[in-house]
Amino acid sequence: MGSIQANLQELQQRINRACERSHRSPGDVRLVAITKGAPATKIRAVFDCGIRDFGENRVQEAQERIEELADLRNQVTWHMVGHVQSNKAKLAARLFDIIHSVDSVKLAQVLHRQAPETLPILIQVNVSREETKNGFEIEEVASAVKEIRKLPNLEIKGLMTIAPIADDPEDVRPVFRQLRQMRDSLGLEHLSMGMTDDFEVAIEEGATMVRIGRAIFTERRKS
């Protein structure tokens, strides 16, 4: 608990400084704690520190974790941030409060049919055009948004991207900037971008949700 609390305090300070540099309010940035591989005890510790947004990468693992933490269900928001296969869409639509990773019109159509009520989603964009990443390419986004907006059970809240791995976070600033420009052109609200290694640059470029796992759950080395 002590290590997680210290990690979160340091993380919030870094978020605050990034917001100050970009003349933004820290209240405009949601910290989504990515719980991949974390035991329920650690997730509860993060909850006890005040975090209410939690993200998962895999539907099947998320089901087990969400069920284990069923007593928190009405107090937290569960975010799906990983790739959703069509055959897992029914389960994902029922487990998660928001899905960041809608990467095809086909997936959106399946989620629309399976959602028990209006489901908030983000459109995943492969800004860097990496073959190993999912998502629409920039020039496909506007038409995809137009098509997905026809599905009444889905509500498009914004865009999401995963930046390339870089030794210097400044190298991926153009990726975040391009996503912000696309978000603005579409009149959407949210930008889900930035992880442990690059979230400060993402905030400076307009991120409203940052997806942080390692910086929260990694144990600190004792000096």
Protein backbone atom coordinates (compact mmCIF):
# COMPACT_ATOMS: atom_id res chain seq x y z
CA MET A 1 0.00 0.00 0.00
CA GLY A 2 2.77 2.43 0.91
CA SER A 3 4.60 1.95 -2.38
CA ILE A 4 1.41 2.38 -4.42
CA GLN A 5 0.47 5.50 -2.50
CA ALA A 6 3.95 6.97 -3.05
CA ASN A 7 3.80 6.06 -6.75
CA LEU A 8 0.43 7.75 -7.15
CA GLN A 9 1.55 10.86 -5.30
CA GLU A 10 4.60 11.20 -7.55
CA LEU A 11 2.48 10.50 -10.63
CA GLN A 12 -0.04 13.16 -9.70
CA GLN A 13 2.75 15.67 -9.19
CA ARG A 14 4.06 14.91 -12.67
CA ILE A 15 0.55 15.26 -14.13
CA ASN A 16 0.12 18.58 -12.33
CA ARG A 17 3.43 19.90 -13.67
CA ALA A 18 2.57 18.83 -17.23
CA CYS A 19 -0.78 20.60 -16.91
CA GLU A 20 0.91 23.71 -15.57
CA ARG A 21 3.33 23.77 -18.50
CA SER A 22 0.44 23.54 -20.96
CA HIS A 23 -1.87 25.92 -19.06
CA ARG A 24 -4.42 23.21 -18.36
CA SER A 25 -6.31 22.19 -15.24
CA PRO A 26 -5.28 18.83 -13.69
CA GLY A 27 -8.98 18.17 -13.31
CA ASP A 28 -9.22 17.87 -17.09
CA VAL A 29 -6.98 14.77 -17.14
CA ARG A 30 -8.34 11.39 -16.04
CA LEU A 31 -5.80 8.90 -14.77
CA VAL A 32 -6.78 5.40 -15.91
CA ALA A 33 -4.91 2.78 -13.88
CA ILE A 34 -4.05 -0.14 -16.17
CA THR A 35 -4.42 -3.25 -14.04
CA LYS A 36 -2.80 -5.80 -16.38
CA GLY A 37 -1.35 -8.55 -14.23
CA ALA A 38 -2.05 -6.74 -10.95
CA PRO A 39 -3.69 -8.77 -8.15
CA ALA A 40 -6.98 -7.61 -6.68
CA THR A 41 -5.26 -6.56 -3.46
CA LYS A 42 -3.17 -3.98 -5.33
CA ILE A 43 -6.16 -2.74 -7.30
CA ARG A 44 -8.02 -2.22 -4.04
CA ALA A 45 -5.02 -0.30 -2.72
CA VAL A 46 -5.19 2.00 -5.76
CA PHE A 47 -8.93 2.42 -5.19
CA ASP A 48 -8.27 3.30 -1.55
CA CYS A 49 -5.95 6.07 -2.77
CA GLY A 50 -8.85 7.64 -4.64
CA ILE A 51 -8.50 6.29 -8.18
CA ARG A 52 -11.83 5.43 -9.80
CA ASP A 53 -10.84 4.63 -13.41
CA PHE A 54 -9.34 1.22 -14.18
CA GLY A 55 -8.29 -0.21 -17.54
CA GLU A 56 -7.86 -3.73 -18.85
CA ASN A 57 -6.12 -5.09 -21.96
CA ARG A 58 -7.82 -8.48 -22.31
CA VAL A 59 -11.50 -9.27 -22.04
CA GLN A 60 -11.17 -12.72 -20.47
CA GLU A 61 -8.75 -11.60 -17.75
CA ALA A 62 -10.90 -8.55 -17.12
CA GLN A 63 -13.96 -10.69 -16.50
CA GLU A 64 -12.20 -12.57 -13.71
CA ARG A 65 -10.84 -9.39 -12.16
CA ILE A 66 -14.10 -7.45 -12.36
CA GLU A 67 -15.98 -10.35 -10.79
CA GLU A 68 -13.39 -10.58 -8.01
CA LEU A 69 -13.89 -6.86 -7.35
CA ALA A 70 -17.67 -6.96 -7.73
CA ASP A 71 -18.20 -4.92 -4.56
CA LEU A 72 -16.52 -1.94 -6.28
CA ARG A 73 -18.57 -2.23 -9.49
CA ASN A 74 -20.82 0.76 -8.92
CA GLN A 75 -17.98 2.94 -7.65
CA VAL A 76 -15.49 2.63 -10.50
CA THR A 77 -15.38 3.00 -14.27
CA TRP A 78 -13.91 0.06 -16.16
CA HIS A 79 -12.11 0.94 -19.40
CA MET A 80 -11.27 -1.56 -22.13
CA VAL A 81 -8.00 -0.36 -23.70
CA GLY A 82 -6.82 -3.45 -25.59
CA HIS A 83 -7.83 -5.02 -28.89
CA VAL A 84 -11.35 -6.51 -28.85
CA GLN A 85 -11.93 -9.53 -31.06
CA SER A 86 -15.41 -9.73 -32.59
CA ASN A 87 -16.14 -12.97 -30.73
CA LYS A 88 -15.41 -11.20 -27.43
CA ALA A 89 -17.50 -8.12 -28.25
CA LYS A 90 -20.65 -9.36 -26.52
CA LEU A 91 -18.79 -9.91 -23.26
CA ALA A 92 -16.86 -6.64 -23.61
CA ALA A 93 -20.05 -4.66 -24.17
CA ARG A 94 -21.44 -5.99 -20.89
CA LEU A 95 -18.29 -5.79 -18.79
CA PHE A 96 -16.95 -2.33 -19.62
CA ASP A 97 -18.26 1.17 -19.07
CA ILE A 98 -16.22 2.56 -21.98
CA ILE A 99 -14.19 0.96 -24.78
CA HIS A 100 -11.13 2.90 -26.01
CA SER A 101 -10.11 0.52 -28.78
CA VAL A 102 -12.78 0.48 -31.48
CA ASP A 103 -10.56 -0.13 -34.49
CA SER A 104 -13.01 -1.09 -37.25
CA VAL A 105 -16.54 -0.35 -38.37
CA LYS A 106 -17.24 -4.08 -38.17
CA LEU A 107 -16.33 -4.16 -34.47
CA ALA A 108 -18.50 -1.10 -33.86
CA GLN A 109 -21.44 -2.83 -35.53
CA VAL A 110 -21.00 -5.92 -33.35
CA LEU A 111 -20.74 -3.81 -30.18
CA HIS A 112 -23.85 -1.90 -31.25
CA ARG A 113 -25.83 -5.15 -31.51
CA GLN A 114 -24.54 -6.47 -28.19
CA ALA A 115 -24.61 -3.36 -25.98
CA PRO A 116 -27.36 -3.61 -23.34
CA GLU A 117 -27.57 0.20 -23.30
CA THR A 118 -25.76 3.15 -24.83
CA LEU A 119 -22.04 2.36 -24.74
CA PRO A 120 -19.41 5.13 -24.79
CA ILE A 121 -16.53 4.36 -27.14
CA LEU A 122 -13.32 5.89 -28.47
CA ILE A 123 -12.05 5.39 -32.00
CA GLN A 124 -8.54 3.93 -32.11
CA VAL A 125 -6.26 5.63 -34.62
CA ASN A 126 -2.95 4.21 -35.84
CA VAL A 127 -1.36 7.64 -36.26
CA SER A 128 2.15 6.25 -36.71
CA ARG A 129 1.00 3.64 -39.28
CA GLU A 130 2.80 0.81 -37.49
CA GLU A 131 1.96 -2.62 -38.90
CA THR A 132 1.96 -4.13 -35.42
CA LYS A 133 -0.75 -1.75 -34.14
CA ASN A 134 -4.49 -1.77 -34.68
CA GLY A 135 -6.60 1.24 -35.53
CA PHE A 136 -7.82 3.40 -38.38
CA GLU A 137 -5.32 5.43 -40.35
CA ILE A 138 -5.74 9.19 -40.08
CA GLU A 139 -7.37 9.58 -43.48
CA GLU A 140 -9.95 6.89 -42.62
CA VAL A 141 -11.14 8.39 -39.36
CA ALA A 142 -13.67 10.96 -40.58
CA SER A 143 -15.59 8.45 -42.72
CA ALA A 144 -15.45 5.81 -39.96
CA VAL A 145 -16.85 8.28 -37.44
CA LYS A 146 -19.63 9.14 -39.88
CA GLU A 147 -20.57 5.46 -40.24
CA ILE A 148 -20.33 4.64 -36.54
CA ARG A 149 -22.46 7.66 -35.61
CA LYS A 150 -25.34 5.88 -37.37
CA LEU A 151 -25.31 3.22 -34.63
CA PRO A 152 -27.60 4.48 -31.86
CA ASN A 153 -26.30 2.13 -29.16
CA LEU A 154 -22.81 3.63 -29.39
CA GLU A 155 -21.68 7.09 -28.35
CA ILE A 156 -18.37 8.29 -29.78
CA LYS A 157 -16.59 10.22 -27.03
CA GLY A 158 -13.22 10.77 -28.65
CA LEU A 159 -10.08 9.24 -30.14
CA MET A 160 -7.34 6.95 -28.83
CA THR A 161 -3.85 6.11 -29.99
CA ILE A 162 -0.77 4.17 -28.89
CA ALA A 163 2.44 6.01 -29.70
CA PRO A 164 5.57 4.23 -30.94
CA ILE A 165 8.16 3.24 -28.36
CA ALA A 166 10.85 5.92 -28.25
CA ASP A 167 13.87 6.64 -26.07
CA ASP A 168 12.90 10.31 -26.01
CA PRO A 169 9.19 11.12 -25.45
CA GLU A 170 9.67 14.27 -27.50
CA ASP A 171 10.00 12.05 -30.56
CA VAL A 172 6.33 11.05 -30.29
CA ARG A 173 4.96 14.56 -29.70
CA PRO A 174 3.93 14.86 -33.39
CA VAL A 175 1.79 11.71 -33.01
CA PHE A 176 -0.13 13.19 -30.10
CA ARG A 177 -0.44 16.56 -31.81
CA GLN A 178 -1.85 14.99 -34.95
CA LEU A 179 -4.47 13.08 -32.95
CA ARG A 180 -5.49 16.28 -31.15
CA GLN A 181 -5.91 18.07 -34.46
CA MET A 182 -8.08 15.23 -35.74
CA ARG A 183 -10.16 15.26 -32.54
CA ASP A 184 -10.69 19.01 -32.86
CA SER A 185 -11.71 18.73 -36.52
CA LEU A 186 -14.39 16.18 -35.57
CA GLY A 187 -15.69 18.13 -32.59
CA LEU A 188 -15.11 15.28 -30.16
CA GLU A 189 -14.31 15.52 -26.45
CA HIS A 190 -11.72 13.00 -25.34
CA LEU A 191 -8.16 12.08 -26.24
CA SER A 192 -6.90 8.82 -24.75
CA MET A 193 -3.16 8.95 -25.27
CA GLY A 194 -0.02 8.65 -23.20
CA MET A 195 1.33 5.83 -21.07
CA THR A 196 4.04 5.52 -18.43
CA ASP A 197 6.92 6.57 -20.71
CA ASP A 198 5.27 9.45 -22.56
CA PHE A 199 2.19 10.67 -20.67
CA GLU A 200 3.63 14.08 -19.83
CA VAL A 201 4.11 14.97 -23.50
CA ALA A 202 0.63 13.56 -24.21
CA ILE A 203 -0.88 15.86 -21.58
CA GLU A 204 0.96 18.84 -23.02
CA GLU A 205 -0.62 17.97 -26.38
CA GLY A 206 -4.14 17.70 -24.98
CA ALA A 207 -4.69 14.20 -23.53
CA THR A 208 -7.83 13.96 -21.41
CA MET A 209 -7.16 10.33 -20.41
CA VAL A 210 -3.74 8.83 -19.72
CA ARG A 211 -3.33 5.07 -19.39
CA ILE A 212 -0.78 4.27 -16.68
CA GLY A 213 0.15 0.86 -15.35
CA ARG A 214 3.86 0.39 -14.63
CA ALA A 215 4.33 3.74 -12.87
CA ILE A 216 1.56 2.81 -10.43
CA PHE A 217 2.03 -0.87 -9.74
CA THR A 218 5.83 -1.33 -9.92
CA GLU A 219 7.41 -1.68 -6.50
CA ARG A 220 9.96 0.96 -5.66
CA ARG A 221 13.51 -0.14 -4.95
CA LYS A 222 14.61 0.46 -1.43
CA SER A 223 17.73 2.60 -1.13
